[in-house]
Amino acid sequence: MAAAANANIARFLSAMARAQPQTAALKVPRGRTRGGDIDYLALSFAELDGEVGAWGRRLAERGVRRGDLTLVMVKPGLPLIAAVFALFRLGAVPVVLDPGMGLRHFLGCVARTQPRALVGIPAALVVSRLFRRSFRGVEVRVRTSSSLTARLAPAGAAAAAPTPAEAESRPNDLAAILFTSGSTGAPKGVRYEHGMFEAQVRMIRETYAIAPGEVDLPMLPIFALFNPALGMTTIVPEIDPRRPAAADPAKLVQAIRQEQVTNSFGSPTLWRNVAAHCQAHRITLPSLRRVLCAGAPVPAALWTAAKDFLPGGQLHSPYGATEALPVSTLSGAEEAEAEGTADRGTCVGRPLPGMDVQIIALCEGPIARLAGAAELPVGEIGEIIVRGPVVTRAYDRLPDATAAAKIADPSAATEVWHRMGDCGYFDGAGRLWFCGRKAERVQTAGGTLFTEPCERVFRAHPEARRCALIGIGQPGAQIPALVVEGPARSQQAARDLAGELRALARSNPATAGIGRFYLRKHFPVDVRHNAKIHRLALARWAERREPLPAD
């Protein structure tokens, strides 16, 4: 994809409206037919282009201007896509937060970002009035419908060209502020530039061989924003974005089969539920060419199950973060090859073309220049840092966080290295391995334990397939412990489980020092994927609990 004079990411929608005007761009569920099929509101690319134009005119009339930070609080589906692309066209900057991050984090993010405009459903406007201090910078409020399918443009026809004209943007112009999941701290606003979005589109399209005319079921709403640029039809899933893990897998499977979905992105938690449903009902999903599964390491059982429910496709696990995505990717075939040589961590594939990845010695403080980082040899675990066209340069209004996460590189004046906050290593074949979050490593008097290698040992136990390594006490003198997710047990059953886990621990040198075990019914997880375990919160919880009884 050659660089364009106008790098505004919204231009891709107009291009698709010209190239495939009658192809369905978006399908939004609105109920069931008498026959039980999902009833969709369908918009072609030409109609979606017209809808975005109508939203743009309304926003401009209400006073939204080029460069305005604009908080977007609308429903997923048509309102989200139309609002964000209309803002792109105006040259305004959408600010998109996860709806389930919690009121305290949400208000803190709004107060720090200080948006000038708000586009939201009626409830969002009420919130902005109730919490005036957080919304003190908002001068323009634009009310939208609470419906997933509400339209502004005339139904059944494309509207006229958008007014005002599409703003021209340079590659380094600010395009949007997106927020991290906050799995190891408060969510942070990430400053995305138009050129970074364009690089993401190019890398995703080329890495996974995505072609215009494909059909996508994005189980994370923000990922639907890539589809107009990729020329894919977006099937809006029946998922509450505040509680994605509670989605009914039967409804997701019905959408995939009915609409002949070829591509889907979702967390391991969601796809584990879909896999279990397919297995229980002996269902396959032959239309799917690829499933992109990210947000947490993909469990071994899901890699195995995918071979059954994806007879014509493959499971892929892209690795990255809000600040840098994608970095690397792993396919089902590559996972099987890597698994045969695995002795620690989870393989996340080889870096994608254009992405530079290094492993540096663990360091707690900021690193101002790359020369201040010590690169580690193959096989040695350290901190993962990345550089490339999709790597963001700064957090929004968080200079200390930016200094802690970014490393200047004099050899590339316009790029920085991003510290992923993850630990890992390279193997001799050039594959990258993930060993866990740096903040969640356990620092004992005898050395450092990393979450993923240790948890892999215990996941061999059928009742510990979801478990978490934690450290109790202060770093440097922490007591390592393991928390297993599951229902309460009798004292004897708990004692038996603890004994079996201790035997597993002694079977591996990395886990031999783990002798304390806890049981918790449900793990605290991130809202976005419902897959990232909040291990630091679990550690605080365990400090006030008694471990499982000893043998």
Protein backbone atom coordinates (compact mmCIF):
# COMPACT_ATOMS: atom_id res chain seq x y z
CA MET A 1 0.00 0.00 0.00
CA ALA A 2 1.87 3.07 -1.21
CA ALA A 3 1.90 6.18 0.89
CA ALA A 4 -0.80 8.64 -0.16
CA ALA A 5 -0.75 12.44 -0.19
CA ASN A 6 -3.82 12.25 2.01
CA ALA A 7 -3.26 9.69 4.77
CA ASN A 8 -6.72 10.12 6.35
CA ILE A 9 -7.86 6.58 7.13
CA ALA A 10 -11.48 7.50 6.26
CA ARG A 11 -10.58 7.63 2.57
CA PHE A 12 -10.63 3.84 2.40
CA LEU A 13 -14.38 3.75 2.98
CA SER A 14 -15.00 6.13 0.05
CA ALA A 15 -12.70 4.01 -2.11
CA MET A 16 -14.61 0.83 -1.23
CA ALA A 17 -17.92 2.59 -1.90
CA ARG A 18 -16.67 3.29 -5.42
CA ALA A 19 -15.08 -0.14 -5.96
CA GLN A 20 -17.88 -2.34 -4.57
CA PRO A 21 -20.88 -0.06 -3.96
CA GLN A 22 -23.52 -2.80 -3.73
CA THR A 23 -21.49 -5.21 -1.56
CA ALA A 24 -22.78 -5.44 2.00
CA ALA A 25 -20.58 -3.38 4.31
CA LEU A 26 -22.45 -3.86 7.56
CA LYS A 27 -25.12 -6.16 8.98
CA VAL A 28 -26.63 -5.36 12.37
CA PRO A 29 -28.87 -7.91 14.16
CA ARG A 30 -32.35 -6.67 15.00
CA GLY A 31 -34.20 -9.85 15.98
CA ARG A 32 -35.23 -13.19 14.49
CA THR A 33 -37.32 -14.13 11.49
CA ARG A 34 -40.27 -16.49 11.80
CA GLY A 35 -37.98 -19.23 10.60
CA GLY A 36 -35.47 -18.57 13.37
CA ASP A 37 -32.79 -16.90 11.23
CA ILE A 38 -31.10 -13.75 12.47
CA ASP A 39 -32.79 -10.70 10.97
CA TYR A 40 -30.21 -8.09 9.96
CA LEU A 41 -30.31 -4.47 8.94
CA ALA A 42 -27.94 -4.49 5.96
CA LEU A 43 -26.08 -1.51 4.49
CA SER A 44 -24.02 -1.62 1.31
CA PHE A 45 -20.67 0.16 1.13
CA ALA A 46 -22.36 2.98 -0.79
CA GLU A 47 -25.05 3.27 1.88
CA LEU A 48 -22.52 3.17 4.72
CA ASP A 49 -20.51 5.86 2.94
CA GLY A 50 -23.67 7.96 2.75
CA GLU A 51 -24.47 7.29 6.40
CA VAL A 52 -21.01 8.48 7.42
CA GLY A 53 -21.58 11.60 5.33
CA ALA A 54 -24.87 12.28 7.14
CA TRP A 55 -23.18 11.87 10.52
CA GLY A 56 -20.40 14.19 9.40
CA ARG A 57 -22.85 16.92 8.41
CA ARG A 58 -24.66 16.64 11.72
CA LEU A 59 -21.46 16.76 13.77
CA ALA A 60 -20.19 19.77 11.81
CA GLU A 61 -23.51 21.58 12.23
CA ARG A 62 -23.32 21.01 15.98
CA GLY A 63 -19.85 22.55 16.16
CA VAL A 64 -17.37 19.66 15.98
CA ARG A 65 -14.21 20.97 14.33
CA ARG A 66 -10.98 19.67 12.90
CA GLY A 67 -8.62 18.61 15.67
CA ASP A 68 -11.34 18.31 18.34
CA LEU A 69 -10.86 15.46 20.79
CA THR A 70 -14.31 13.85 20.70
CA LEU A 71 -15.45 11.29 23.24
CA VAL A 72 -17.47 8.55 21.50
CA MET A 73 -20.09 6.92 23.75
CA VAL A 74 -22.37 5.10 21.34
CA LYS A 75 -23.55 1.56 20.72
CA PRO A 76 -21.34 -0.87 18.77
CA GLY A 77 -22.32 -1.54 15.19
CA LEU A 78 -23.64 1.19 12.93
CA PRO A 79 -23.37 4.08 15.46
CA LEU A 80 -19.74 3.29 16.35
CA ILE A 81 -18.54 2.87 12.77
CA ALA A 82 -20.51 5.87 11.46
CA ALA A 83 -19.45 8.19 14.29
CA VAL A 84 -15.76 7.29 14.17
CA PHE A 85 -15.44 7.51 10.38
CA ALA A 86 -17.40 10.78 10.34
CA LEU A 87 -14.95 12.20 12.87
CA PHE A 88 -12.00 10.97 10.81
CA ARG A 89 -13.45 12.75 7.77
CA LEU A 90 -13.80 15.99 9.69
CA GLY A 91 -10.23 15.71 10.89
CA ALA A 92 -11.52 15.40 14.46
CA VAL A 93 -10.02 12.87 16.88
CA PRO A 94 -12.29 10.13 18.28
CA VAL A 95 -11.60 9.10 21.88
CA VAL A 96 -12.79 5.53 22.42
CA LEU A 97 -12.99 3.90 25.87
CA ASP A 98 -14.07 0.40 26.86
CA PRO A 99 -17.65 0.56 28.20
CA GLY A 100 -16.97 -1.81 31.07
CA MET A 101 -13.75 -0.35 32.51
CA GLY A 102 -15.61 0.85 35.61
CA LEU A 103 -16.84 4.29 36.54
CA ARG A 104 -13.74 5.35 38.47
CA HIS A 105 -11.34 4.50 35.63
CA PHE A 106 -13.73 5.92 33.05
CA LEU A 107 -14.07 9.28 34.78
CA GLY A 108 -10.32 9.45 35.33
CA CYS A 109 -9.64 8.83 31.64
CA VAL A 110 -12.16 11.49 30.58
CA ALA A 111 -10.80 14.04 33.04
CA ARG A 112 -7.24 13.49 31.84
CA THR A 113 -8.06 13.50 28.11
CA GLN A 114 -10.27 16.62 28.34
CA PRO A 115 -12.32 16.11 25.16
CA ARG A 116 -13.95 19.21 23.67
CA ALA A 117 -16.89 17.28 22.18
CA LEU A 118 -19.05 14.32 23.18
CA VAL A 119 -21.06 12.11 20.82
CA GLY A 120 -23.23 9.85 22.91
CA ILE A 121 -26.47 8.08 23.66
CA PRO A 122 -28.86 9.84 26.08
CA ALA A 123 -27.45 8.01 29.11
CA ALA A 124 -23.96 9.21 28.21
CA LEU A 125 -25.13 12.81 28.11
CA VAL A 126 -26.71 12.38 31.55
CA VAL A 127 -23.42 11.02 32.90
CA SER A 128 -21.60 14.04 31.46
CA ARG A 129 -23.93 16.35 33.40
CA LEU A 130 -23.75 14.40 36.66
CA PHE A 131 -19.94 14.30 36.69
CA ARG A 132 -19.24 17.82 35.49
CA ARG A 133 -15.73 17.96 36.91
CA SER A 134 -14.53 15.08 34.72
CA PHE A 135 -16.35 16.49 31.68
CA ARG A 136 -15.36 20.10 32.32
CA GLY A 137 -13.70 20.48 28.92
CA VAL A 138 -16.76 19.39 26.93
CA GLU A 139 -18.28 22.29 24.99
CA VAL A 140 -20.24 20.37 22.35
CA ARG A 141 -22.68 17.55 23.07
CA VAL A 142 -24.26 15.60 20.20
CA ARG A 143 -27.05 13.24 21.14
CA THR A 144 -27.47 9.93 19.27
CA SER A 145 -30.00 7.15 19.42
CA SER A 146 -29.56 4.17 21.76
CA SER A 147 -30.47 1.85 18.88
CA LEU A 148 -27.85 -0.31 17.16
CA THR A 149 -29.57 0.31 13.83
CA ALA A 150 -30.67 3.98 13.91
CA ARG A 151 -29.87 5.76 10.62
CA LEU A 152 -29.43 9.39 9.66
CA ALA A 153 -29.18 8.94 5.89
CA PRO A 154 -32.28 8.01 3.84
CA ALA A 155 -32.90 4.25 4.06
CA GLY A 156 -32.30 2.25 0.92
CA ALA A 157 -30.17 4.85 -0.85
CA ALA A 158 -26.71 6.34 -0.60
CA ALA A 159 -26.65 9.95 0.51
CA ALA A 160 -24.86 12.66 -1.39
CA ALA A 161 -21.15 13.24 -0.97
CA PRO A 162 -20.20 14.08 2.60
CA THR A 163 -20.27 17.71 3.65
CA PRO A 164 -17.89 19.24 4.56
CA ALA A 165 -15.25 17.70 2.30
CA GLU A 166 -13.00 15.01 3.71
CA ALA A 167 -10.15 16.58 5.65
CA GLU A 168 -6.65 15.90 4.38
CA SER A 169 -4.36 14.38 6.97
CA ARG A 170 -0.64 13.74 7.04
CA PRO A 171 0.68 10.35 8.23
CA ASN A 172 1.82 11.81 11.57
CA ASP A 173 -1.42 13.69 12.28
CA LEU A 174 -3.27 12.50 15.38
CA ALA A 175 -6.12 10.20 14.31
CA ALA A 176 -7.57 8.74 17.53
CA ILE A 177 -6.99 8.06 21.20
CA LEU A 178 -7.58 4.43 22.14
CA PHE A 179 -7.18 3.03 25.64
CA THR A 180 -5.23 0.08 27.00
CA SER A 181 -7.10 -2.68 28.79
CA GLY A 182 -5.60 -1.77 32.17
CA SER A 183 -4.68 -5.36 33.03
CA THR A 184 -1.74 -4.32 35.24
CA GLY A 185 -2.79 -0.76 36.10
CA ALA A 186 -5.11 2.07 35.18
CA PRO A 187 -6.04 2.30 31.46
CA LYS A 188 -3.88 4.71 29.47
CA GLY A 189 -4.81 6.68 26.35
CA VAL A 190 -2.68 5.74 23.35
CA ARG A 191 -2.15 8.37 20.65
CA TYR A 192 -2.74 6.83 17.21
CA GLU A 193 -1.68 8.61 14.02
CA HIS A 194 -3.27 8.15 10.58
CA GLY A 195 -0.08 6.59 9.24
CA MET A 196 -0.11 4.00 12.03
CA PHE A 197 -3.66 2.95 11.16
CA GLU A 198 -2.65 2.66 7.51
CA ALA A 199 0.32 0.48 8.43
CA GLN A 200 -1.94 -1.74 10.55
CA VAL A 201 -4.36 -2.20 7.66
CA ARG A 202 -1.52 -3.12 5.32
CA MET A 203 0.09 -5.57 7.75
CA ILE A 204 -3.16 -7.29 8.69
CA ARG A 205 -4.21 -7.60 5.03
CA GLU A 206 -0.86 -8.99 3.88
CA THR A 207 -0.17 -11.23 6.88
CA TYR A 208 -3.52 -13.02 6.75
CA ALA A 209 -4.22 -12.71 2.99
CA ILE A 210 -7.51 -10.89 3.57
CA ALA A 211 -9.33 -9.94 0.36
CA PRO A 212 -12.21 -7.52 -0.32
CA GLY A 213 -15.55 -9.32 -0.26
CA GLU A 214 -14.77 -11.42 2.82
CA VAL A 215 -17.14 -11.51 5.79
CA ASP A 216 -15.98 -10.72 9.32
CA LEU A 217 -17.50 -11.30 12.76
CA PRO A 218 -15.46 -8.99 15.04
CA MET A 219 -16.01 -9.99 18.67
CA LEU A 220 -14.22 -6.86 19.87
CA PRO A 221 -16.13 -3.78 18.60
CA ILE A 222 -13.04 -1.69 17.91
CA PHE A 223 -11.81 -4.25 15.38
CA ALA A 224 -14.85 -3.56 13.19
CA LEU A 225 -13.20 -0.24 12.34
CA PHE A 226 -10.59 -2.01 10.18
CA ASN A 227 -13.17 -3.63 7.92
CA PRO A 228 -14.15 -0.65 5.74
CA ALA A 229 -10.47 -0.29 4.79
CA LEU A 230 -10.11 -4.05 4.19
CA GLY A 231 -13.31 -4.26 2.15
CA MET A 232 -14.84 -6.86 4.45
CA THR A 233 -18.49 -7.12 5.39
CA THR A 234 -18.95 -6.58 9.13
CA ILE A 235 -21.43 -8.86 10.89
CA VAL A 236 -22.15 -7.26 14.26
CA PRO A 237 -22.15 -10.05 16.88
CA GLU A 238 -24.78 -10.43 19.58
CA ILE A 239 -22.39 -9.56 22.39
CA ASP A 240 -22.67 -7.16 25.31
CA PRO A 241 -19.30 -5.34 25.16
CA ARG A 242 -19.44 -4.85 28.93
CA ARG A 243 -19.61 -8.64 29.49
CA PRO A 244 -18.13 -10.36 26.42
CA ALA A 245 -17.51 -13.69 28.16
CA ALA A 246 -21.26 -13.99 28.84
CA ALA A 247 -22.05 -14.09 25.11
CA ASP A 248 -24.14 -17.07 24.03
CA PRO A 249 -21.88 -19.22 21.81
CA ALA A 250 -24.95 -20.64 20.04
CA LYS A 251 -25.78 -17.15 18.71
CA LEU A 252 -22.21 -16.60 17.55
CA VAL A 253 -22.15 -19.95 15.78
CA GLN A 254 -25.52 -19.22 14.16
CA ALA A 255 -24.20 -15.92 12.79
CA ILE A 256 -21.06 -17.58 11.42
CA ARG A 257 -23.00 -20.33 9.67
CA GLN A 258 -25.88 -18.17 8.43
CA GLU A 259 -23.70 -15.38 7.03
CA GLN A 260 -20.86 -17.60 5.81
CA VAL A 261 -18.33 -15.69 7.92
CA THR A 262 -14.75 -16.11 6.68
CA ASN A 263 -12.86 -14.18 9.38
CA SER A 264 -13.29 -13.52 13.08
CA PHE A 265 -11.33 -11.94 15.90
CA GLY A 266 -11.95 -12.80 19.55
CA SER A 267 -10.32 -13.61 22.86
CA PRO A 268 -9.33 -17.15 23.94
CA THR A 269 -12.20 -17.03 26.45
CA LEU A 270 -14.80 -16.43 23.74
CA TRP A 271 -13.34 -18.98 21.36
CA ARG A 272 -13.01 -21.58 24.09
CA ASN A 273 -16.78 -21.22 24.64
CA VAL A 274 -17.46 -21.47 20.90
CA ALA A 275 -15.22 -24.55 20.64
CA ALA A 276 -17.04 -26.25 23.52
CA HIS A 277 -20.41 -25.52 21.88
CA CYS A 278 -19.22 -26.91 18.55
CA GLN A 279 -17.86 -30.02 20.22
CA ALA A 280 -21.02 -30.61 22.26
CA HIS A 281 -23.27 -30.31 19.19
CA ARG A 282 -20.87 -31.81 16.63
CA ILE A 283 -20.81 -28.59 14.63
CA THR A 284 -18.11 -27.42 12.24
CA LEU A 285 -17.58 -23.93 10.78
CA PRO A 286 -16.43 -24.64 7.21
CA SER A 287 -16.75 -21.06 5.93
CA LEU A 288 -14.14 -19.72 8.35
CA ARG A 289 -10.76 -19.25 6.70
CA ARG A 290 -9.10 -17.83 9.77
CA VAL A 291 -9.76 -17.10 13.43
CA LEU A 292 -7.55 -14.46 15.06
CA CYS A 293 -7.35 -15.17 18.77
CA ALA A 294 -5.60 -12.67 21.05
CA GLY A 295 -5.72 -10.91 24.40
CA ALA A 296 -4.06 -13.72 26.35
CA PRO A 297 -2.10 -16.90 25.54
CA VAL A 298 -4.16 -19.42 23.59
CA PRO A 299 -4.53 -22.61 25.68
CA ALA A 300 -3.30 -25.87 24.20
CA ALA A 301 -6.82 -27.35 24.28
CA LEU A 302 -8.10 -24.57 22.00
CA TRP A 303 -5.34 -25.15 19.44
CA THR A 304 -6.36 -28.81 19.39
CA ALA A 305 -10.11 -28.12 19.22
CA ALA A 306 -9.66 -25.67 16.33
CA LYS A 307 -8.55 -28.51 14.08
CA ASP A 308 -12.01 -30.03 14.46
CA PHE A 309 -14.31 -27.02 14.15
CA LEU A 310 -12.23 -25.27 11.45
CA PRO A 311 -12.09 -27.88 8.67
CA GLY A 312 -11.32 -25.25 6.03
CA GLY A 313 -9.38 -22.71 8.09
CA GLN A 314 -6.78 -22.10 10.77
CA LEU A 315 -6.51 -20.55 14.18
CA HIS A 316 -3.95 -17.74 14.40
CA SER A 317 -2.67 -15.95 17.48
CA PRO A 318 -1.38 -12.43 16.76
CA TYR A 319 0.84 -10.93 19.45
CA GLY A 320 0.84 -7.24 20.28
CA ALA A 321 -0.71 -4.57 22.46
CA THR A 322 -2.78 -1.43 22.08
CA GLU A 323 0.51 0.45 21.73
CA ALA A 324 1.91 -1.89 19.05
CA LEU A 325 -0.23 -4.26 16.98
CA PRO A 326 0.53 -6.60 15.31
CA VAL A 327 4.09 -7.55 16.32
CA SER A 328 4.18 -11.25 15.47
CA THR A 329 1.75 -14.05 14.70
CA LEU A 330 1.49 -17.81 15.17
CA SER A 331 -0.63 -20.21 13.11
CA GLY A 332 -1.95 -23.59 14.18
CA ALA A 333 0.61 -25.42 12.07
CA GLU A 334 3.49 -23.37 13.51
CA GLU A 335 2.17 -23.88 17.04
CA ALA A 336 2.31 -27.65 16.65
CA GLU A 337 5.92 -27.41 15.47
CA ALA A 338 6.94 -25.08 18.30
CA GLU A 339 5.10 -27.11 20.94
CA GLY A 340 7.28 -30.10 20.20
CA THR A 341 10.35 -28.13 21.33
CA ALA A 342 8.75 -26.07 24.08
CA ASP A 343 10.13 -26.23 27.57
CA ARG A 344 9.11 -22.79 28.84
CA GLY A 345 6.68 -20.07 27.92
CA THR A 346 4.26 -19.75 25.00
CA CYS A 347 5.42 -19.28 21.42
CA VAL A 348 3.98 -16.17 19.74
CA GLY A 349 5.58 -16.70 16.34
CA ARG A 350 8.12 -14.77 14.32
CA PRO A 351 8.13 -10.95 14.04
CA LEU A 352 6.21 -9.65 11.03
CA PRO A 353 8.03 -7.95 8.15
CA GLY A 354 8.85 -4.39 9.12
CA MET A 355 8.80 -5.11 12.86
CA ASP A 356 12.03 -5.14 14.87
CA VAL A 357 12.02 -7.02 18.17
CA GLN A 358 14.73 -7.23 20.80
CA ILE A 359 15.07 -8.85 24.21
CA ILE A 360 16.78 -6.62 26.76
CA ALA A 361 17.83 -7.10 30.37
CA LEU A 362 15.04 -6.43 32.87
CA CYS A 363 15.11 -2.86 34.11
CA GLU A 364 12.59 -1.09 36.35
CA GLY A 365 13.31 2.53 35.48
CA PRO A 366 13.04 4.53 32.25
CA ILE A 367 15.56 3.93 29.45
CA ALA A 368 16.19 7.17 27.63
CA ARG A 369 18.28 5.78 24.74
CA LEU A 370 18.63 2.35 23.16
CA ALA A 371 22.33 2.43 24.05
CA GLY A 372 21.24 2.21 27.69
CA ALA A 373 19.57 -1.17 27.16
CA ALA A 374 21.54 -4.41 27.27
CA GLU A 375 20.40 -6.82 24.54
CA LEU A 376 20.29 -10.45 25.70
CA PRO A 377 21.41 -13.54 23.80
CA VAL A 378 19.13 -16.20 22.32
CA GLY A 379 17.36 -18.27 24.97
CA GLU A 380 17.71 -15.77 27.82
CA ILE A 381 14.51 -14.30 29.29
CA GLY A 382 14.27 -10.53 29.38
CA GLU A 383 11.96 -7.66 28.47
CA ILE A 384 10.43 -7.52 24.98
CA ILE A 385 10.85 -4.23 23.10
CA VAL A 386 9.55 -3.52 19.58
CA ARG A 387 9.96 -0.95 16.82
CA GLY A 388 8.07 -0.50 13.56
CA PRO A 389 5.40 1.43 11.64
CA VAL A 390 2.56 0.35 13.97
CA VAL A 391 4.36 1.31 17.17
CA THR A 392 2.79 4.35 18.81
CA ARG A 393 4.99 7.15 20.10
CA ALA A 394 3.27 8.42 23.23
CA TYR A 395 0.47 8.14 25.75
CA ASP A 396 -1.98 11.00 25.99
CA ARG A 397 -1.10 13.53 28.71
CA LEU A 398 1.00 10.99 30.62
CA PRO A 399 4.61 12.10 30.20
CA ASP A 400 5.92 9.84 32.98
CA ALA A 401 4.21 6.78 31.49
CA THR A 402 5.56 7.69 28.05
CA ALA A 403 9.08 8.04 29.43
CA ALA A 404 8.76 4.66 31.18
CA ALA A 405 7.47 2.84 28.07
CA LYS A 406 9.40 4.43 25.18
CA ILE A 407 13.07 4.29 24.22
CA ALA A 408 14.49 6.82 21.78
CA ASP A 409 16.44 5.43 18.84
CA PRO A 410 18.86 7.89 17.21
CA SER A 411 19.07 5.66 14.13
CA ALA A 412 15.35 6.20 13.37
CA ALA A 413 14.41 9.81 14.06
CA THR A 414 10.67 9.29 13.62
CA GLU A 415 10.39 6.00 15.49
CA VAL A 416 10.74 4.80 19.04
CA TRP A 417 11.08 1.42 20.68
CA HIS A 418 8.09 0.42 22.80
CA ARG A 419 8.61 -1.60 25.95
CA MET A 420 5.83 -4.17 25.78
CA GLY A 421 5.79 -4.76 29.52
CA ASP A 422 6.15 -8.47 28.71
CA CYS A 423 8.94 -10.91 29.41
CA GLY A 424 10.13 -13.36 26.79
CA TYR A 425 13.00 -14.69 24.71
CA PHE A 426 13.99 -15.77 21.23
CA ASP A 427 14.71 -19.41 20.46
CA GLY A 428 17.34 -20.64 18.02
CA ALA A 429 14.81 -20.73 15.17
CA GLY A 430 14.02 -17.02 15.50
CA ARG A 431 10.67 -17.56 17.22
CA LEU A 432 9.51 -15.22 19.97
CA TRP A 433 8.30 -16.73 23.25
CA PHE A 434 6.07 -15.01 25.81
CA CYS A 435 6.78 -15.68 29.49
CA GLY A 436 4.33 -13.32 31.19
CA ARG A 437 3.86 -9.71 32.19
CA LYS A 438 6.95 -8.07 33.66
CA ALA A 439 4.91 -6.57 36.54
CA GLU A 440 3.56 -10.02 37.42
CA ARG A 441 6.86 -11.90 37.68
CA VAL A 442 7.56 -13.35 41.13
CA GLN A 443 10.85 -12.29 42.70
CA THR A 444 11.82 -14.72 45.45
CA ALA A 445 14.96 -14.85 47.55
CA GLY A 446 16.15 -17.68 45.32
CA GLY A 447 15.45 -16.07 41.96
CA THR A 448 12.74 -14.93 39.56
CA LEU A 449 9.74 -16.98 38.44
CA PHE A 450 7.78 -16.07 35.31
CA THR A 451 4.06 -16.71 35.13
CA GLU A 452 3.63 -18.49 31.80
CA PRO A 453 6.36 -21.16 32.12
CA CYS A 454 5.25 -22.01 35.66
CA GLU A 455 1.53 -22.07 34.90
CA ARG A 456 2.11 -24.37 31.91
CA VAL A 457 3.40 -27.01 34.34
CA PHE A 458 0.23 -26.90 36.44
CA ARG A 459 -2.18 -26.67 33.50
CA ALA A 460 -1.38 -30.33 32.85
CA HIS A 461 -3.72 -31.06 35.79
CA PRO A 462 -7.35 -31.27 34.55
CA GLU A 463 -8.57 -29.17 37.48
CA ALA A 464 -5.91 -26.47 37.07
CA ARG A 465 -6.34 -25.59 33.40
CA ARG A 466 -6.99 -22.02 34.54
CA CYS A 467 -4.47 -21.03 37.17
CA ALA A 468 -2.30 -18.06 38.12
CA LEU A 469 1.15 -17.74 39.65
CA ILE A 470 1.34 -14.98 42.26
CA GLY A 471 3.92 -13.62 44.68
CA ILE A 472 3.05 -12.88 48.31
CA GLY A 473 5.18 -10.27 50.05
CA GLN A 474 7.75 -7.78 48.82
CA PRO A 475 9.75 -8.28 45.59
CA GLY A 476 13.04 -9.96 46.34
CA ALA A 477 11.51 -11.94 49.20
CA GLN A 478 8.20 -13.05 47.73
CA ILE A 479 6.63 -16.40 48.51
CA PRO A 480 5.48 -18.04 45.28
CA ALA A 481 1.97 -19.43 45.24
CA LEU A 482 -0.56 -20.72 42.74
CA VAL A 483 -4.25 -19.84 42.58
CA VAL A 484 -6.58 -22.29 40.83
CA GLU A 485 -9.96 -21.19 39.50
CA GLY A 486 -12.75 -23.54 40.47
CA PRO A 487 -15.65 -24.29 42.84
CA ALA A 488 -15.25 -24.85 46.56
CA ARG A 489 -14.27 -28.34 47.68
CA SER A 490 -14.53 -30.38 50.83
CA GLN A 491 -11.50 -30.27 53.11
CA GLN A 492 -10.36 -33.71 51.95
CA ALA A 493 -10.84 -32.89 48.26
CA ALA A 494 -8.94 -29.62 48.75
CA ARG A 495 -6.13 -31.51 50.51
CA ASP A 496 -5.97 -34.04 47.68
CA LEU A 497 -5.83 -31.28 45.05
CA ALA A 498 -3.05 -29.49 46.90
CA GLY A 499 -1.08 -32.74 47.14
CA GLU A 500 -1.42 -33.38 43.40
CA LEU A 501 -0.33 -29.83 42.59
CA ARG A 502 2.70 -30.14 44.89
CA ALA A 503 3.69 -33.32 43.09
CA LEU A 504 3.45 -31.48 39.77
CA ALA A 505 5.52 -28.62 41.19
CA ARG A 506 8.31 -30.98 42.22
CA SER A 507 8.41 -32.47 38.71
CA ASN A 508 9.95 -29.32 37.21
CA PRO A 509 12.93 -27.31 38.47
CA ALA A 510 11.19 -24.01 37.65
CA THR A 511 8.25 -24.81 39.96
CA ALA A 512 9.91 -26.92 42.65
CA GLY A 513 9.78 -24.05 45.15
CA ILE A 514 6.01 -23.52 44.83
CA GLY A 515 4.25 -25.12 47.78
CA ARG A 516 1.36 -22.81 48.58
CA PHE A 517 -1.96 -23.18 46.74
CA TYR A 518 -5.25 -21.28 46.79
CA LEU A 519 -8.67 -21.87 45.32
CA ARG A 520 -10.93 -19.10 44.00
CA LYS A 521 -14.29 -19.53 42.28
CA HIS A 522 -13.80 -16.77 39.69
CA PHE A 523 -10.67 -14.89 38.64
CA PRO A 524 -10.64 -11.09 38.24
CA VAL A 525 -10.06 -10.46 34.52
CA ASP A 526 -9.87 -7.56 32.08
CA VAL A 527 -13.13 -6.26 30.65
CA ARG A 528 -11.99 -6.10 27.03
CA HIS A 529 -11.08 -9.75 26.52
CA ASN A 530 -12.25 -11.42 29.75
CA ALA A 531 -9.00 -13.37 29.37
CA LYS A 532 -6.17 -11.44 31.05
CA ILE A 533 -6.01 -12.47 34.69
CA HIS A 534 -5.39 -9.69 37.21
CA ARG A 535 -2.64 -11.53 39.09
CA LEU A 536 -1.64 -8.54 41.20
CA ALA A 537 -5.24 -8.32 42.48
CA LEU A 538 -5.16 -12.06 43.16
CA ALA A 539 -1.97 -11.63 45.18
CA ARG A 540 -3.61 -8.98 47.38
CA TRP A 541 -6.60 -11.30 47.82
CA ALA A 542 -4.41 -14.27 48.80
CA GLU A 543 -2.59 -12.29 51.49
CA ARG A 544 -5.86 -12.32 53.46
CA ARG A 545 -6.70 -16.00 52.85
CA GLU A 546 -5.56 -19.37 54.10
CA PRO A 547 -4.00 -21.64 51.46
CA LEU A 548 -5.33 -25.11 50.75
CA PRO A 549 -4.53 -27.55 53.57
CA ALA A 550 -1.25 -29.45 53.41
CA ASP A 551 -0.98 -33.21 52.83
